Structure formats: structure tokens, C-alpha cells
Amino acid sequence: MKAKSAHSSPKPRADSIRNRERLLVAATKIFSADTGHASLEAVARQAGVGIGTLYRHFPTRETLFEAVYRHEVEQLFALAEKLSRGGDPAESLRKWLNANVRLVATKKGMVEALQLVTHGSSELKNYSFERLTAAIAMLLDRGVAAGVFRSDVSPEELLRALVGIFYSQAAEKWQPGALRLVNVLVDGLCRSTGARVPRRSLRRRGTQ
């Protein structure tokens, strides 16, 4: 009997993992359409689980928001990994930056809700900044090594430029303009015939 019990224990764990993933997918969908104000009961219904299951995984609205936020960041990181394995470096970076624009454009409600969650959490901000700069570094460094990109722009600077594009788009239908600015950004990164300052030298100069 004990052996049977020991062998049956992984099943609830697998179910629990699947339920958590279903809740994250449901929360992403609902928060995207409802500016983050939808009830947790609605999330549970969308996921096809009971409210008790939701609370076991996410005791508060804030923990659910944070989990959704981390999930989206990890999705972007995974995309960067995939794009860094091959193809033209400029087009790979362009695709990744465009994916960020589409995320903000199609999930505006969720992004607004997540901004409230991250506002007071330095740990969550640091996590996001580190993962996204690491994602950019994979794509940017590959292009520098291939001689496609200039070498005097850091991943951190590129991420701040992307955030600046988001904040500069006040109009309701801002996505086309943001995508054009992304194209300008990528074109500006492409290697020119002028002299370039190595990235490490530029960083040292900036800290003096």
C-alpha cells in the first residue's frame, strides 16, 4: 500500500502544474481585455477551475498579477533565445522588438495593471530589467560579432530606448508609429562606415 501511495504522488503535482498554467493563460486573457479589474472568480471560470484552486496558487490579486508579469517576461526571453539561433541578426532583433510592441498594444489593460504591481517592487523591476537586457544582449551581441551592428550601444541603452518609444506614443492607435520607430532604431544600430567606439571603452568613459 505504501509503495502504491508513493507512486501515485506525482499525479496531483502534474495536475497542479497544469492548473497553474491554465490560470496564468486565463488571467492574461482577462486582464488584457479588462484593464486588470476583472474578478478573480472570472479568472477561475476562464481557467475551468474552482476559486479555491486559484487561491491555493495565488493567494492575492497581487501575486497573480506578478506571476502573469513574470510569465510574459519569460516568454520574451524564450523568443530571444529562439531568434538568436539563426537568421539575419537585424531581422531577428527587429522581430523581437516588434513582439514587445505587439504585447503592449494588444494587452494594454494587462500592462497597465502590471505597472501598478511593479511600481512598489524593486525586486520585480530588477528581475524584469535583468531578463530583458539579457534577452537583448543575445540578439545584439550576435549582430556585433557578425559585423552587422555597431558596437557602442549597450543592451541597457536599447531597452531604455524601447521603453521610451512606448511612453512617447500617446495616441489611441499608436502601434504603427511605434513599429516605424523600431525600424528606425534597428536601422540606426546597423553598422556604418564611420568610426565606432568599443562598448567597453564607452562604458568606462561614461563612469568617469
Protein backbone atom coordinates (compact mmCIF):
# COMPACT_ATOMS: atom_id res chain seq x y z
CA MET A 1 0.00 0.00 0.00
CA LYS A 2 2.81 2.38 0.86
CA ALA A 3 4.54 1.69 -2.45
CA LYS A 4 1.33 2.40 -4.33
CA SER A 5 0.86 5.66 -2.44
CA ALA A 6 4.42 6.71 -3.23
CA HIS A 7 3.93 6.04 -6.95
CA SER A 8 0.63 7.95 -7.08
CA SER A 9 2.01 11.17 -5.56
CA PRO A 10 3.37 12.70 -8.81
CA LYS A 11 -0.12 12.85 -10.39
CA PRO A 12 -1.51 15.66 -8.18
CA ARG A 13 1.74 17.56 -8.75
CA ALA A 14 1.32 17.35 -12.51
CA ASP A 15 -2.32 18.41 -12.19
CA SER A 16 -1.25 21.32 -10.02
CA ILE A 17 1.29 22.47 -12.61
CA ARG A 18 -1.31 22.26 -15.37
CA ASN A 19 -3.84 24.20 -13.27
CA ARG A 20 -1.30 26.92 -12.61
CA GLU A 21 -0.55 27.26 -16.32
CA ARG A 22 -4.25 27.38 -17.14
CA LEU A 23 -4.75 30.12 -14.55
CA LEU A 24 -1.89 32.17 -15.99
CA VAL A 25 -3.28 31.87 -19.52
CA ALA A 26 -6.77 32.77 -18.32
CA ALA A 27 -5.54 35.73 -16.27
CA THR A 28 -3.52 37.05 -19.20
CA LYS A 29 -6.57 36.91 -21.47
CA ILE A 30 -8.96 38.52 -18.98
CA PHE A 31 -6.61 41.20 -17.70
CA SER A 32 -5.71 42.14 -21.28
CA ALA A 33 -9.33 42.88 -22.11
CA ASP A 34 -10.42 44.34 -18.80
CA THR A 35 -7.61 46.65 -17.62
CA GLY A 36 -6.87 44.32 -14.76
CA HIS A 37 -10.14 44.99 -12.90
CA ALA A 38 -11.83 41.65 -13.64
CA SER A 39 -12.65 39.49 -10.63
CA LEU A 40 -10.54 36.54 -9.64
CA GLU A 41 -13.70 34.45 -9.91
CA ALA A 42 -13.79 35.32 -13.62
CA VAL A 43 -10.20 34.12 -13.98
CA ALA A 44 -11.05 30.83 -12.26
CA ARG A 45 -14.06 30.32 -14.53
CA GLN A 46 -12.00 31.04 -17.63
CA ALA A 47 -9.40 28.50 -16.48
CA GLY A 48 -12.05 25.91 -15.70
CA VAL A 49 -11.04 25.53 -12.04
CA GLY A 50 -12.61 26.39 -8.71
CA ILE A 51 -11.85 29.61 -6.87
CA GLY A 52 -10.19 27.54 -4.14
CA THR A 53 -7.69 26.23 -6.68
CA LEU A 54 -6.89 29.77 -7.74
CA TYR A 55 -6.28 30.91 -4.17
CA ARG A 56 -4.03 27.93 -3.47
CA HIS A 57 -1.77 29.05 -6.29
CA PHE A 58 -2.25 32.81 -5.97
CA PRO A 59 -3.45 33.93 -2.51
CA THR A 60 -3.92 37.57 -3.60
CA ARG A 61 -4.61 39.56 -6.75
CA GLU A 62 -1.09 40.99 -6.50
CA THR A 63 0.55 37.56 -6.52
CA LEU A 64 -1.46 36.63 -9.61
CA PHE A 65 -0.51 39.87 -11.37
CA GLU A 66 3.14 39.29 -10.50
CA ALA A 67 3.04 35.71 -11.82
CA VAL A 68 1.47 36.91 -15.09
CA TYR A 69 4.13 39.59 -15.39
CA ARG A 70 6.96 37.11 -14.87
CA HIS A 71 5.34 34.74 -17.36
CA GLU A 72 5.27 37.44 -20.05
CA VAL A 73 8.90 38.36 -19.39
CA GLU A 74 9.95 34.73 -19.67
CA GLN A 75 8.03 34.41 -22.94
CA LEU A 76 10.00 37.34 -24.36
CA PHE A 77 13.26 35.83 -23.11
CA ALA A 78 12.41 32.50 -24.74
CA LEU A 79 11.64 34.29 -28.02
CA ALA A 80 15.05 36.00 -27.91
CA GLU A 81 16.71 32.62 -27.37
CA LYS A 82 14.90 31.21 -30.39
CA LEU A 83 15.68 34.18 -32.63
CA SER A 84 19.36 34.23 -31.62
CA ARG A 85 19.92 30.74 -33.03
CA GLY A 86 19.89 31.77 -36.67
CA GLY A 87 18.76 34.12 -39.38
CA ASP A 88 19.76 37.68 -40.14
CA PRO A 89 20.74 39.45 -36.87
CA ALA A 90 18.99 42.69 -37.82
CA GLU A 91 15.74 40.93 -38.69
CA SER A 92 15.94 38.81 -35.53
CA LEU A 93 16.29 41.90 -33.36
CA ARG A 94 13.52 43.65 -35.30
CA LYS A 95 11.17 40.70 -34.75
CA TRP A 96 11.88 40.69 -31.02
CA LEU A 97 11.33 44.44 -30.64
CA ASN A 98 8.13 44.19 -32.70
CA ALA A 99 6.91 41.44 -30.36
CA ASN A 100 7.33 43.86 -27.47
CA VAL A 101 5.29 46.49 -29.31
CA ARG A 102 2.52 43.98 -30.04
CA LEU A 103 2.49 42.89 -26.39
CA VAL A 104 1.88 46.44 -25.21
CA ALA A 105 -0.62 47.18 -27.99
CA THR A 106 -2.75 44.04 -27.68
CA LYS A 107 -2.55 43.67 -23.90
CA LYS A 108 -2.84 47.28 -22.86
CA GLY A 109 -5.15 46.55 -19.95
CA MET A 110 -2.84 43.91 -18.56
CA VAL A 111 0.23 46.11 -18.97
CA GLU A 112 -1.48 48.94 -17.07
CA ALA A 113 -2.35 46.57 -14.24
CA LEU A 114 1.17 45.17 -14.14
CA GLN A 115 2.67 48.64 -13.95
CA LEU A 116 0.79 49.12 -10.69
CA VAL A 117 2.18 45.87 -9.33
CA THR A 118 5.78 46.64 -10.27
CA HIS A 119 5.60 50.27 -9.08
CA GLY A 120 6.47 49.45 -5.49
CA SER A 121 8.54 46.31 -6.09
CA SER A 122 12.22 46.95 -6.69
CA GLU A 123 12.87 43.19 -6.81
CA LEU A 124 10.34 42.73 -9.61
CA LYS A 125 11.72 45.72 -11.50
CA ASN A 126 15.25 44.34 -11.21
CA TYR A 127 14.09 40.93 -12.37
CA SER A 128 12.38 42.42 -15.43
CA PHE A 129 15.30 44.68 -16.30
CA GLU A 130 17.86 41.88 -15.97
CA ARG A 131 15.89 39.32 -18.01
CA LEU A 132 15.01 41.75 -20.80
CA THR A 133 18.53 43.17 -21.07
CA ALA A 134 19.85 39.60 -21.17
CA ALA A 135 17.40 38.85 -23.98
CA ILE A 136 18.54 41.91 -25.93
CA ALA A 137 22.20 41.05 -25.29
CA MET A 138 21.78 37.67 -27.00
CA LEU A 139 20.49 39.38 -30.14
CA LEU A 140 22.69 42.45 -30.04
CA ASP A 141 25.98 40.68 -29.31
CA ARG A 142 25.33 38.21 -32.12
CA GLY A 143 24.91 41.09 -34.54
CA VAL A 144 28.04 42.83 -33.28
CA ALA A 145 30.06 39.63 -33.66
CA ALA A 146 28.77 39.24 -37.22
CA GLY A 147 29.73 42.82 -38.05
CA VAL A 148 26.10 43.81 -38.62
CA PHE A 149 25.59 46.09 -35.60
CA ARG A 150 27.68 48.93 -34.28
CA SER A 151 29.37 48.04 -31.00
CA ASP A 152 28.89 51.25 -28.99
CA VAL A 153 25.28 50.64 -27.89
CA SER A 154 24.62 48.52 -24.81
CA PRO A 155 21.61 46.24 -24.20
CA GLU A 156 20.56 48.52 -21.34
CA GLU A 157 20.53 51.55 -23.63
CA LEU A 158 18.49 49.70 -26.24
CA LEU A 159 15.92 48.61 -23.65
CA ARG A 160 15.57 52.19 -22.39
CA ALA A 161 15.08 53.37 -25.97
CA LEU A 162 12.32 50.80 -26.43
CA VAL A 163 10.59 51.92 -23.23
CA GLY A 164 10.90 55.50 -24.47
CA ILE A 165 9.06 54.53 -27.65
CA PHE A 166 6.21 53.14 -25.54
CA TYR A 167 5.92 56.27 -23.41
CA SER A 168 6.08 58.59 -26.42
CA GLN A 169 3.01 57.04 -28.05
CA ALA A 170 0.04 58.90 -26.56
CA ALA A 171 -2.40 58.41 -29.45
CA GLU A 172 -5.01 55.65 -29.25
CA LYS A 173 -3.80 53.88 -32.42
CA TRP A 174 -0.11 54.18 -31.70
CA GLN A 175 1.15 50.77 -32.84
CA PRO A 176 2.05 51.71 -36.48
CA GLY A 177 4.07 54.69 -35.28
CA ALA A 178 5.85 52.57 -32.68
CA LEU A 179 6.74 49.95 -35.27
CA ARG A 180 8.17 52.66 -37.55
CA LEU A 181 10.33 53.93 -34.68
CA VAL A 182 11.53 50.38 -34.03
CA ASN A 183 12.63 50.20 -37.67
CA VAL A 184 14.48 53.48 -37.29
CA LEU A 185 16.12 52.14 -34.13
CA VAL A 186 17.30 48.93 -35.79
CA ASP A 187 18.50 50.79 -38.88
CA GLY A 188 20.49 53.11 -36.64
CA LEU A 189 22.15 50.14 -34.97
CA CYS A 190 23.32 48.71 -38.26
CA ARG A 191 26.99 49.15 -38.89
CA SER A 192 28.07 52.29 -40.72
CA THR A 193 31.36 53.26 -42.32
CA GLY A 194 32.14 55.76 -39.58
CA ALA A 195 34.39 55.10 -36.61
CA ARG A 196 32.80 53.24 -33.71
CA VAL A 197 33.77 53.27 -30.06
CA PRO A 198 34.06 49.79 -28.50
CA ARG A 199 31.30 49.16 -25.95
CA ARG A 200 33.65 48.62 -23.01
CA SER A 201 35.54 51.84 -23.70
CA LEU A 202 32.28 53.75 -23.91
CA ARG A 203 31.13 52.41 -20.54
CA ARG A 204 34.39 53.35 -18.86
CA ARG A 205 34.20 56.84 -20.32
CA GLY A 206 30.65 57.24 -19.03
CA THR A 207 31.66 56.34 -15.47
CA GLN A 208 34.49 58.85 -15.20
